[in-house]
Amino acid sequence: MSRNRPRIFRPVTIDSPTQVVGESGAWGWPLFLLRFAVCTLFLGRGVLYLSHFSPLSVFFWNQGWLERPLSWCGIVWEDYAATSEPLITRVQAGFGIVFIISAIACWWVQGDRHRWARWVVSIGMLGLLPYWLLKWVDKDYQFAMFIEHFLQWGTPLLLLLFWRLPRLGWFALAWVLISCTFVGHGLYAIGLGVPHSNDFVNMTMHLLGTGEVGARRFLLCVGWIDLFLPILFLIPHTRVVALAYAAFWGLGTALARILCHYTPAEDYYGLHPWTAECVVRLSHGLVPLVVLLLLLNCFGDKNRV
């Protein structure tokens, strides 16, 4: 029966779940893509911070958080707010430099060798936490925003643990990170528990050339698919299709940041932050692709895949 079943619908399982991921002999391309995902994530975020696109002002200009601590130091809030912009600029530049260095160092991360690279990437990963949490605060603590950034923060973690976690543990971590991000995507696409995003509707209309009704129907369809992806990942017969969809859709939504904001008449003016956003979001498609390649090439049962 299994020989007559289409390849993509044959069950994919994880052999030797206690063996460490990096001990497999067929992880060349998946490891390269994982490093590339980490590199682009840090590189894009570093460019955005160095270009003054960061949510740090949510913290530094939050009167409710800082007024009392500043008063303990004898600083009046109004005086601080009027002179704090240079401080924010310097902190942004510091974060940006750390991210750029982390983007370079990730190519040397491998097992127990080059421990300095592991430390640099770990520091960069910690530096992503303020962005994640401040974006969540800036969006009024929306649950969808909180879980959407799991994969952006967790991609460096997957690289750091590539040689340390057993197969089952590494795949479980990847499943959690990918699932949370795509569930967040789905909640925004459907407008479930969050205000329906007109930005997504306008992007869909621009890319597909459809009207508002068609764009909303399209987002509703892909939103529900995103919500069911965590379940499809767990079913051996649908695992390959689900990961392939996640890779395609993750890369597609990243590229949409450029395609939707490019206008030939403006000759690329103002496009560089959207290019950086695209680069950051490549991990949304690259990580599912890495998991898919690992399953097919070295972890799946060759007689059934």
C-alpha atoms as a PDB file:
ATOM      1  CA  MET A   1       0.000   0.000   0.000  1.00  0.00           C
ATOM      2  CA  SER A   2       2.738   2.485   0.928  1.00  0.00           C
ATOM      3  CA  ARG A   3       4.556   1.941  -2.404  1.00  0.00           C
ATOM      4  CA  ASN A   4       1.525   3.176  -4.333  1.00  0.00           C
ATOM      5  CA  ARG A   5       1.008   6.214  -2.163  1.00  0.00           C
ATOM      6  CA  PRO A   6       2.332   9.566  -3.493  1.00  0.00           C
ATOM      7  CA  ARG A   7       5.707  10.357  -1.978  1.00  0.00           C
ATOM      8  CA  ILE A   8       4.629  13.543  -0.231  1.00  0.00           C
ATOM      9  CA  PHE A   9       1.855  11.718   1.631  1.00  0.00           C
ATOM     10  CA  ARG A  10       3.983   8.841   2.903  1.00  0.00           C
ATOM     11  CA  PRO A  11       4.664   8.914   6.643  1.00  0.00           C
ATOM     12  CA  VAL A  12       7.873  10.615   7.782  1.00  0.00           C
ATOM     13  CA  THR A  13       9.183   9.534  11.161  1.00  0.00           C
ATOM     14  CA  ILE A  14      12.218  10.320  13.288  1.00  0.00           C
ATOM     15  CA  ASP A  15      14.657   7.437  13.646  1.00  0.00           C
ATOM     16  CA  SER A  16      16.957   7.177  16.689  1.00  0.00           C
ATOM     17  CA  PRO A  17      15.241  10.019  18.587  1.00  0.00           C
ATOM     18  CA  THR A  18      17.954  10.036  21.272  1.00  0.00           C
ATOM     19  CA  GLN A  19      20.810  10.616  18.819  1.00  0.00           C
ATOM     20  CA  VAL A  20      22.076  14.201  18.740  1.00  0.00           C
ATOM     21  CA  VAL A  21      21.043  16.122  15.612  1.00  0.00           C
ATOM     22  CA  GLY A  22      24.548  17.199  14.646  1.00  0.00           C
ATOM     23  CA  GLU A  23      25.861  13.627  14.744  1.00  0.00           C
ATOM     24  CA  SER A  24      24.067  12.817  11.487  1.00  0.00           C
ATOM     25  CA  GLY A  25      26.218  12.664   8.386  1.00  0.00           C
ATOM     26  CA  ALA A  26      23.745  14.366   6.052  1.00  0.00           C
ATOM     27  CA  TRP A  27      23.293  17.812   7.567  1.00  0.00           C
ATOM     28  CA  GLY A  28      25.443  19.895   5.197  1.00  0.00           C
ATOM     29  CA  TRP A  29      22.731  21.831   3.371  1.00  0.00           C
ATOM     30  CA  PRO A  30      20.297  22.014   6.306  1.00  0.00           C
ATOM     31  CA  LEU A  31      23.061  23.364   8.535  1.00  0.00           C
ATOM     32  CA  PHE A  32      24.078  25.908   5.903  1.00  0.00           C
ATOM     33  CA  LEU A  33      20.480  27.104   5.583  1.00  0.00           C
ATOM     34  CA  LEU A  34      20.106  27.275   9.363  1.00  0.00           C
ATOM     35  CA  ARG A  35      23.248  29.386   9.642  1.00  0.00           C
ATOM     36  CA  PHE A  36      22.014  31.528   6.750  1.00  0.00           C
ATOM     37  CA  ALA A  37      18.693  32.042   8.550  1.00  0.00           C
ATOM     38  CA  VAL A  38      20.515  33.151  11.705  1.00  0.00           C
ATOM     39  CA  CYS A  39      22.822  35.403   9.678  1.00  0.00           C
ATOM     40  CA  THR A  40      20.004  37.136   7.806  1.00  0.00           C
ATOM     41  CA  LEU A  41      18.012  37.528  11.017  1.00  0.00           C
ATOM     42  CA  PHE A  42      20.851  39.301  12.817  1.00  0.00           C
ATOM     43  CA  LEU A  43      21.951  41.228   9.728  1.00  0.00           C
ATOM     44  CA  GLY A  44      18.477  42.600   9.001  1.00  0.00           C
ATOM     45  CA  ARG A  45      17.818  43.478  12.622  1.00  0.00           C
ATOM     46  CA  GLY A  46      21.229  45.147  12.882  1.00  0.00           C
ATOM     47  CA  VAL A  47      20.559  47.291   9.794  1.00  0.00           C
ATOM     48  CA  LEU A  48      17.177  48.314  11.196  1.00  0.00           C
ATOM     49  CA  TYR A  49      18.668  49.327  14.537  1.00  0.00           C
ATOM     50  CA  LEU A  50      21.500  51.257  12.897  1.00  0.00           C
ATOM     51  CA  SER A  51      18.865  52.982  10.742  1.00  0.00           C
ATOM     52  CA  HIS A  52      16.908  54.004  13.875  1.00  0.00           C
ATOM     53  CA  PHE A  53      14.055  51.547  13.286  1.00  0.00           C
ATOM     54  CA  SER A  54      13.587  49.953  16.693  1.00  0.00           C
ATOM     55  CA  PRO A  55      10.976  49.930  19.460  1.00  0.00           C
ATOM     56  CA  LEU A  56      13.416  51.149  22.132  1.00  0.00           C
ATOM     57  CA  SER A  57      11.504  54.422  22.477  1.00  0.00           C
ATOM     58  CA  VAL A  58       8.628  52.348  23.907  1.00  0.00           C
ATOM     59  CA  PHE A  59      10.879  51.814  26.938  1.00  0.00           C
ATOM     60  CA  PHE A  60      12.898  55.027  27.097  1.00  0.00           C
ATOM     61  CA  TRP A  61       9.858  57.289  26.669  1.00  0.00           C
ATOM     62  CA  ASN A  62       7.490  55.352  28.895  1.00  0.00           C
ATOM     63  CA  GLN A  63       6.685  57.788  31.668  1.00  0.00           C
ATOM     64  CA  GLY A  64       4.829  55.213  33.731  1.00  0.00           C
ATOM     65  CA  TRP A  65       7.910  52.965  33.862  1.00  0.00           C
ATOM     66  CA  LEU A  66      10.701  55.503  34.283  1.00  0.00           C
ATOM     67  CA  GLU A  67       9.359  58.585  36.051  1.00  0.00           C
ATOM     68  CA  ARG A  68       9.726  57.172  39.560  1.00  0.00           C
ATOM     69  CA  PRO A  69      13.183  55.578  39.078  1.00  0.00           C
ATOM     70  CA  LEU A  70      14.386  58.856  37.553  1.00  0.00           C
ATOM     71  CA  SER A  71      13.020  60.812  40.505  1.00  0.00           C
ATOM     72  CA  TRP A  72      15.093  58.635  42.826  1.00  0.00           C
ATOM     73  CA  CYS A  73      18.128  59.926  40.942  1.00  0.00           C
ATOM     74  CA  GLY A  74      16.963  63.516  41.181  1.00  0.00           C
ATOM     75  CA  ILE A  75      16.004  63.733  37.480  1.00  0.00           C
ATOM     76  CA  VAL A  76      12.773  65.414  36.436  1.00  0.00           C
ATOM     77  CA  TRP A  77      10.828  63.476  33.784  1.00  0.00           C
ATOM     78  CA  GLU A  78      10.327  66.505  31.534  1.00  0.00           C
ATOM     79  CA  ASP A  79      14.069  67.237  31.499  1.00  0.00           C
ATOM     80  CA  TYR A  80      14.884  63.614  30.751  1.00  0.00           C
ATOM     81  CA  ALA A  81      12.319  63.345  27.939  1.00  0.00           C
ATOM     82  CA  ALA A  82      13.653  66.499  26.288  1.00  0.00           C
ATOM     83  CA  THR A  83      17.255  65.255  26.249  1.00  0.00           C
ATOM     84  CA  SER A  84      16.972  61.449  25.970  1.00  0.00           C
ATOM     85  CA  GLU A  85      17.033  61.106  22.175  1.00  0.00           C
ATOM     86  CA  PRO A  86      20.877  60.959  21.958  1.00  0.00           C
ATOM     87  CA  LEU A  87      20.800  58.179  24.587  1.00  0.00           C
ATOM     88  CA  ILE A  88      18.310  56.180  22.528  1.00  0.00           C
ATOM     89  CA  THR A  89      20.446  56.668  19.414  1.00  0.00           C
ATOM     90  CA  ARG A  90      23.567  55.375  21.170  1.00  0.00           C
ATOM     91  CA  VAL A  91      21.752  52.349  22.602  1.00  0.00           C
ATOM     92  CA  GLN A  92      20.286  51.547  19.183  1.00  0.00           C
ATOM     93  CA  ALA A  93      23.737  51.751  17.622  1.00  0.00           C
ATOM     94  CA  GLY A  94      25.127  49.435  20.306  1.00  0.00           C
ATOM     95  CA  PHE A  95      22.438  46.841  19.665  1.00  0.00           C
ATOM     96  CA  GLY A  96      22.940  47.188  15.904  1.00  0.00           C
ATOM     97  CA  ILE A  97      26.679  46.541  16.155  1.00  0.00           C
ATOM     98  CA  VAL A  98      26.093  43.489  18.372  1.00  0.00           C
ATOM     99  CA  PHE A  99      23.642  42.085  15.834  1.00  0.00           C
ATOM    100  CA  ILE A 100      26.013  42.633  12.904  1.00  0.00           C
ATOM    101  CA  ILE A 101      28.843  40.897  14.786  1.00  0.00           C
ATOM    102  CA  SER A 102      26.477  38.030  15.661  1.00  0.00           C
ATOM    103  CA  ALA A 103      25.551  37.688  11.974  1.00  0.00           C
ATOM    104  CA  ILE A 104      29.220  37.081  11.186  1.00  0.00           C
ATOM    105  CA  ALA A 105      29.974  34.871  14.187  1.00  0.00           C
ATOM    106  CA  CYS A 106      27.136  32.414  13.500  1.00  0.00           C
ATOM    107  CA  TRP A 107      29.137  30.906  10.613  1.00  0.00           C
ATOM    108  CA  TRP A 108      31.746  29.646  13.119  1.00  0.00           C
ATOM    109  CA  VAL A 109      29.266  27.984  15.480  1.00  0.00           C
ATOM    110  CA  GLN A 110      29.851  24.224  15.388  1.00  0.00           C
ATOM    111  CA  GLY A 111      29.663  21.804  18.274  1.00  0.00           C
ATOM    112  CA  ASP A 112      32.159  22.502  21.042  1.00  0.00           C
ATOM    113  CA  ARG A 113      34.566  24.294  18.717  1.00  0.00           C
ATOM    114  CA  HIS A 114      34.855  28.075  18.476  1.00  0.00           C
ATOM    115  CA  ARG A 115      33.230  28.756  21.815  1.00  0.00           C
ATOM    116  CA  TRP A 116      33.703  32.483  21.282  1.00  0.00           C
ATOM    117  CA  ALA A 117      31.203  32.248  18.402  1.00  0.00           C
ATOM    118  CA  ARG A 118      28.664  30.522  20.635  1.00  0.00           C
ATOM    119  CA  TRP A 119      29.035  33.313  23.186  1.00  0.00           C
ATOM    120  CA  VAL A 120      28.630  36.041  20.570  1.00  0.00           C
ATOM    121  CA  VAL A 121      25.502  34.431  19.105  1.00  0.00           C
ATOM    122  CA  SER A 122      24.108  33.909  22.620  1.00  0.00           C
ATOM    123  CA  ILE A 123      24.600  37.612  23.398  1.00  0.00           C
ATOM    124  CA  GLY A 124      22.937  38.520  20.113  1.00  0.00           C
ATOM    125  CA  MET A 125      20.018  36.222  20.923  1.00  0.00           C
ATOM    126  CA  LEU A 126      19.573  37.918  24.297  1.00  0.00           C
ATOM    127  CA  GLY A 127      19.674  41.256  22.504  1.00  0.00           C
ATOM    128  CA  LEU A 128      16.641  40.194  20.478  1.00  0.00           C
ATOM    129  CA  LEU A 129      14.548  39.848  23.649  1.00  0.00           C
ATOM    130  CA  PRO A 130      13.974  43.609  24.189  1.00  0.00           C
ATOM    131  CA  TYR A 131      12.762  43.965  20.602  1.00  0.00           C
ATOM    132  CA  TRP A 132      10.363  41.049  21.023  1.00  0.00           C
ATOM    133  CA  LEU A 133       8.951  42.248  24.341  1.00  0.00           C
ATOM    134  CA  LEU A 134       8.763  45.944  23.419  1.00  0.00           C
ATOM    135  CA  LYS A 135       6.911  45.150  20.174  1.00  0.00           C
ATOM    136  CA  TRP A 136       4.475  43.158  22.281  1.00  0.00           C
ATOM    137  CA  VAL A 137       4.017  46.100  24.659  1.00  0.00           C
ATOM    138  CA  ASP A 138       3.675  48.526  21.738  1.00  0.00           C
ATOM    139  CA  LYS A 139       0.834  46.380  20.353  1.00  0.00           C
ATOM    140  CA  ASP A 140      -1.091  46.591  23.649  1.00  0.00           C
ATOM    141  CA  TYR A 141       0.035  43.140  24.817  1.00  0.00           C
ATOM    142  CA  GLN A 142      -1.635  41.300  21.950  1.00  0.00           C
ATOM    143  CA  PHE A 143      -1.175  37.552  22.321  1.00  0.00           C
ATOM    144  CA  ALA A 144      -0.727  37.151  18.552  1.00  0.00           C
ATOM    145  CA  MET A 145       2.199  39.591  18.526  1.00  0.00           C
ATOM    146  CA  PHE A 146       3.831  37.810  21.461  1.00  0.00           C
ATOM    147  CA  ILE A 147       3.843  34.365  19.862  1.00  0.00           C
ATOM    148  CA  GLU A 148       4.565  35.612  16.332  1.00  0.00           C
ATOM    149  CA  HIS A 149       8.145  36.497  17.295  1.00  0.00           C
ATOM    150  CA  PHE A 150       8.977  33.090  18.784  1.00  0.00           C
ATOM    151  CA  LEU A 151      10.764  31.933  15.638  1.00  0.00           C
ATOM    152  CA  GLN A 152      12.760  35.130  15.170  1.00  0.00           C
ATOM    153  CA  TRP A 153      14.118  34.828  18.687  1.00  0.00           C
ATOM    154  CA  GLY A 154      14.419  31.039  18.593  1.00  0.00           C
ATOM    155  CA  THR A 155      16.289  30.576  15.308  1.00  0.00           C
ATOM    156  CA  PRO A 156      19.701  31.286  16.935  1.00  0.00           C
ATOM    157  CA  LEU A 157      18.713  28.915  19.731  1.00  0.00           C
ATOM    158  CA  LEU A 158      18.114  26.124  17.210  1.00  0.00           C
ATOM    159  CA  LEU A 159      21.619  26.663  15.855  1.00  0.00           C
ATOM    160  CA  LEU A 160      23.223  26.717  19.307  1.00  0.00           C
ATOM    161  CA  LEU A 161      21.449  23.476  20.279  1.00  0.00           C
ATOM    162  CA  PHE A 162      22.000  21.714  16.959  1.00  0.00           C
ATOM    163  CA  TRP A 163      24.845  19.625  18.410  1.00  0.00           C
ATOM    164  CA  ARG A 164      23.496  19.344  21.944  1.00  0.00           C
ATOM    165  CA  LEU A 165      19.861  18.249  21.862  1.00  0.00           C
ATOM    166  CA  PRO A 166      18.716  14.741  20.878  1.00  0.00           C
ATOM    167  CA  ARG A 167      16.799  14.557  17.609  1.00  0.00           C
ATOM    168  CA  LEU A 168      13.391  14.376  19.236  1.00  0.00           C
ATOM    169  CA  GLY A 169      14.152  17.301  21.537  1.00  0.00           C
ATOM    170  CA  TRP A 170      15.503  19.479  18.718  1.00  0.00           C
ATOM    171  CA  PHE A 171      12.505  18.728  16.516  1.00  0.00           C
ATOM    172  CA  ALA A 172      10.134  19.403  19.421  1.00  0.00           C
ATOM    173  CA  LEU A 173      11.747  22.815  19.950  1.00  0.00           C
ATOM    174  CA  ALA A 174      11.546  23.599  16.224  1.00  0.00           C
ATOM    175  CA  TRP A 175       7.887  22.498  16.222  1.00  0.00           C
ATOM    176  CA  VAL A 176       7.047  24.867  19.094  1.00  0.00           C
ATOM    177  CA  LEU A 177       8.829  27.835  17.506  1.00  0.00           C
ATOM    178  CA  ILE A 178       7.376  27.321  14.018  1.00  0.00           C
ATOM    179  CA  SER A 179       3.894  26.583  15.355  1.00  0.00           C
ATOM    180  CA  CYS A 180       3.754  29.687  17.545  1.00  0.00           C
ATOM    181  CA  THR A 181       4.886  31.953  14.726  1.00  0.00           C
ATOM    182  CA  PHE A 182       2.387  30.594  12.223  1.00  0.00           C
ATOM    183  CA  VAL A 183      -0.459  30.604  14.744  1.00  0.00           C
ATOM    184  CA  GLY A 184       0.372  34.275  15.314  1.00  0.00           C
ATOM    185  CA  HIS A 185       0.245  34.828  11.548  1.00  0.00           C
ATOM    186  CA  GLY A 186      -3.098  33.054  11.399  1.00  0.00           C
ATOM    187  CA  LEU A 187      -4.634  35.092  14.210  1.00  0.00           C
ATOM    188  CA  TYR A 188      -3.739  38.319  12.433  1.00  0.00           C
ATOM    189  CA  ALA A 189      -4.929  37.034   9.055  1.00  0.00           C
ATOM    190  CA  ILE A 190      -8.307  36.004  10.477  1.00  0.00           C
ATOM    191  CA  GLY A 191      -8.597  38.842  12.957  1.00  0.00           C
ATOM    192  CA  LEU A 192      -9.185  36.374  15.769  1.00  0.00           C
ATOM    193  CA  GLY A 193      -8.619  38.041  19.137  1.00  0.00           C
ATOM    194  CA  VAL A 194      -6.881  41.000  17.467  1.00  0.00           C
ATOM    195  CA  PRO A 195      -8.103  43.864  15.266  1.00  0.00           C
ATOM    196  CA  HIS A 196      -8.236  42.775  11.630  1.00  0.00           C
ATOM    197  CA  SER A 197      -5.126  44.150   9.942  1.00  0.00           C
ATOM    198  CA  ASN A 198      -5.910  46.483   7.060  1.00  0.00           C
ATOM    199  CA  ASP A 199      -2.205  46.391   6.181  1.00  0.00           C
ATOM    200  CA  PHE A 200      -2.470  42.687   5.350  1.00  0.00           C
ATOM    201  CA  VAL A 201      -5.613  43.324   3.304  1.00  0.00           C
ATOM    202  CA  ASN A 202      -3.899  46.104   1.323  1.00  0.00           C
ATOM    203  CA  MET A 203      -0.789  43.958   0.774  1.00  0.00           C
ATOM    204  CA  THR A 204      -2.916  41.086  -0.513  1.00  0.00           C
ATOM    205  CA  MET A 205      -4.860  43.389  -2.822  1.00  0.00           C
ATOM    206  CA  HIS A 206      -1.605  44.826  -4.170  1.00  0.00           C
ATOM    207  CA  LEU A 207       0.047  41.451  -4.790  1.00  0.00           C
ATOM    208  CA  LEU A 208      -2.915  39.446  -6.084  1.00  0.00           C
ATOM    209  CA  GLY A 209      -4.680  42.264  -7.906  1.00  0.00           C
ATOM    210  CA  THR A 210      -7.941  41.407  -6.213  1.00  0.00           C
ATOM    211  CA  GLY A 211     -10.586  43.494  -4.498  1.00  0.00           C
ATOM    212  CA  GLU A 212     -11.064  43.898  -0.773  1.00  0.00           C
ATOM    213  CA  VAL A 213     -13.597  41.067  -0.525  1.00  0.00           C
ATOM    214  CA  GLY A 214     -11.304  38.662  -2.371  1.00  0.00           C
ATOM    215  CA  ALA A 215      -8.328  39.701  -0.239  1.00  0.00           C
ATOM    216  CA  ARG A 216     -10.222  39.101   2.987  1.00  0.00           C
ATOM    217  CA  ARG A 217     -11.386  35.671   1.784  1.00  0.00           C
ATOM    218  CA  PHE A 218      -7.828  34.749   0.830  1.00  0.00           C
ATOM    219  CA  LEU A 219      -6.506  35.828   4.234  1.00  0.00           C
ATOM    220  CA  LEU A 220      -9.277  33.879   5.946  1.00  0.00           C
ATOM    221  CA  CYS A 221      -8.285  30.689   4.084  1.00  0.00           C
ATOM    222  CA  VAL A 222      -4.542  30.943   4.729  1.00  0.00           C
ATOM    223  CA  GLY A 223      -5.202  32.072   8.297  1.00  0.00           C
ATOM    224  CA  TRP A 224      -7.082  28.893   9.129  1.00  0.00           C
ATOM    225  CA  ILE A 225      -4.363  26.817   7.447  1.00  0.00           C
ATOM    226  CA  ASP A 226      -1.779  28.550   9.632  1.00  0.00           C
ATOM    227  CA  LEU A 227      -3.822  27.781  12.737  1.00  0.00           C
ATOM    228  CA  PHE A 228      -3.992  24.068  11.879  1.00  0.00           C
ATOM    229  CA  LEU A 229      -0.302  23.746  10.941  1.00  0.00           C
ATOM    230  CA  PRO A 230       0.811  22.638  14.439  1.00  0.00           C
ATOM    231  CA  ILE A 231      -1.522  19.643  14.164  1.00  0.00           C
ATOM    232  CA  LEU A 232      -0.486  18.848  10.585  1.00  0.00           C
ATOM    233  CA  PHE A 233       3.172  18.858  11.672  1.00  0.00           C
ATOM    234  CA  LEU A 234       2.428  16.067  14.146  1.00  0.00           C
ATOM    235  CA  ILE A 235       0.729  13.750  11.656  1.00  0.00           C
ATOM    236  CA  PRO A 236       3.316  11.635   9.771  1.00  0.00           C
ATOM    237  CA  HIS A 237       1.241  11.548   6.567  1.00  0.00           C
ATOM    238  CA  THR A 238       0.865  15.346   6.359  1.00  0.00           C
ATOM    239  CA  ARG A 239       4.203  16.392   7.881  1.00  0.00           C
ATOM    240  CA  VAL A 240       6.049  16.897   4.592  1.00  0.00           C
ATOM    241  CA  VAL A 241       3.211  18.874   2.993  1.00  0.00           C
ATOM    242  CA  ALA A 242       2.806  21.048   6.094  1.00  0.00           C
ATOM    243  CA  LEU A 243       6.516  21.861   6.285  1.00  0.00           C
ATOM    244  CA  ALA A 244       6.663  22.563   2.544  1.00  0.00           C
ATOM    245  CA  TYR A 245       3.706  24.930   2.883  1.00  0.00           C
ATOM    246  CA  ALA A 246       5.285  26.660   5.896  1.00  0.00           C
ATOM    247  CA  ALA A 247       8.559  27.123   4.001  1.00  0.00           C
ATOM    248  CA  PHE A 248       6.794  28.516   0.934  1.00  0.00           C
ATOM    249  CA  TRP A 249       4.413  30.774   2.838  1.00  0.00           C
ATOM    250  CA  GLY A 250       7.096  31.979   5.250  1.00  0.00           C
ATOM    251  CA  LEU A 251       9.402  33.001   2.411  1.00  0.00           C
ATOM    252  CA  GLY A 252       6.463  34.459   0.479  1.00  0.00           C
ATOM    253  CA  THR A 253       5.338  36.702   3.333  1.00  0.00           C
ATOM    254  CA  ALA A 254       8.938  37.867   3.781  1.00  0.00           C
ATOM    255  CA  LEU A 255       9.307  38.828   0.113  1.00  0.00           C
ATOM    256  CA  ALA A 256       5.925  40.553   0.233  1.00  0.00           C
ATOM    257  CA  ARG A 257       7.513  43.262   2.392  1.00  0.00           C
ATOM    258  CA  ILE A 258       9.549  44.354  -0.638  1.00  0.00           C
ATOM    259  CA  LEU A 259       7.015  43.707  -3.382  1.00  0.00           C
ATOM    260  CA  CYS A 260       4.240  45.627  -1.638  1.00  0.00           C
ATOM    261  CA  HIS A 261       6.314  48.720  -0.911  1.00  0.00           C
ATOM    262  CA  TYR A 262       8.235  49.032  -4.164  1.00  0.00           C
ATOM    263  CA  THR A 263       7.024  51.661  -6.592  1.00  0.00           C
ATOM    264  CA  PRO A 264       9.063  52.219  -9.781  1.00  0.00           C
ATOM    265  CA  ALA A 265       8.181  55.914  -9.816  1.00  0.00           C
ATOM    266  CA  GLU A 266      10.007  56.434  -6.505  1.00  0.00           C
ATOM    267  CA  ASP A 267      13.140  54.625  -7.745  1.00  0.00           C
ATOM    268  CA  TYR A 268      13.572  52.451  -4.611  1.00  0.00           C
ATOM    269  CA  TYR A 269      13.213  55.465  -2.292  1.00  0.00           C
ATOM    270  CA  GLY A 270      12.401  54.400   1.264  1.00  0.00           C
ATOM    271  CA  LEU A 271      12.695  50.704   0.420  1.00  0.00           C
ATOM    272  CA  HIS A 272      15.705  49.858   2.581  1.00  0.00           C
ATOM    273  CA  PRO A 273      13.801  49.307   5.873  1.00  0.00           C
ATOM    274  CA  TRP A 274      11.375  46.995   4.082  1.00  0.00           C
ATOM    275  CA  THR A 275      14.293  45.136   2.520  1.00  0.00           C
ATOM    276  CA  ALA A 276      15.740  44.687   6.010  1.00  0.00           C
ATOM    277  CA  GLU A 277      12.346  43.501   7.277  1.00  0.00           C
ATOM    278  CA  CYS A 278      12.278  40.968   4.454  1.00  0.00           C
ATOM    279  CA  VAL A 279      15.761  39.730   5.374  1.00  0.00           C
ATOM    280  CA  VAL A 280      14.764  39.383   9.037  1.00  0.00           C
ATOM    281  CA  ARG A 281      11.664  37.372   8.150  1.00  0.00           C
ATOM    282  CA  LEU A 282      13.463  34.903   5.886  1.00  0.00           C
ATOM    283  CA  SER A 283      13.821  32.706   8.959  1.00  0.00           C
ATOM    284  CA  HIS A 284      10.030  32.166   8.896  1.00  0.00           C
ATOM    285  CA  GLY A 285      10.486  30.111   5.732  1.00  0.00           C
ATOM    286  CA  LEU A 286      14.063  28.890   6.075  1.00  0.00           C
ATOM    287  CA  VAL A 287      13.596  27.131   9.408  1.00  0.00           C
ATOM    288  CA  PRO A 288      10.646  24.993   8.185  1.00  0.00           C
ATOM    289  CA  LEU A 289      12.746  24.233   5.093  1.00  0.00           C
ATOM    290  CA  VAL A 290      15.652  23.130   7.307  1.00  0.00           C
ATOM    291  CA  VAL A 291      13.365  20.839   9.298  1.00  0.00           C
ATOM    292  CA  LEU A 292      11.909  19.421   6.089  1.00  0.00           C
ATOM    293  CA  LEU A 293      15.353  18.677   4.615  1.00  0.00           C
ATOM    294  CA  LEU A 294      16.539  17.071   7.837  1.00  0.00           C
ATOM    295  CA  LEU A 295      13.501  14.834   7.952  1.00  0.00           C
ATOM    296  CA  LEU A 296      13.791  13.787   4.320  1.00  0.00           C
ATOM    297  CA  ASN A 297      17.566  13.449   4.050  1.00  0.00           C
ATOM    298  CA  CYS A 298      18.796  12.011   7.296  1.00  0.00           C
ATOM    299  CA  PHE A 299      16.100  11.425   9.912  1.00  0.00           C
ATOM    300  CA  GLY A 300      13.337   9.790   7.960  1.00  0.00           C
ATOM    301  CA  ASP A 301      12.921   6.086   7.455  1.00  0.00           C
ATOM    302  CA  LYS A 302      14.336   5.675   3.933  1.00  0.00           C
ATOM    303  CA  ASN A 303      11.990   2.796   3.169  1.00  0.00           C
ATOM    304  CA  ARG A 304       8.914   4.880   3.834  1.00  0.00           C
ATOM    305  CA  VAL A 305       9.811   8.438   2.847  1.00  0.00           C
END
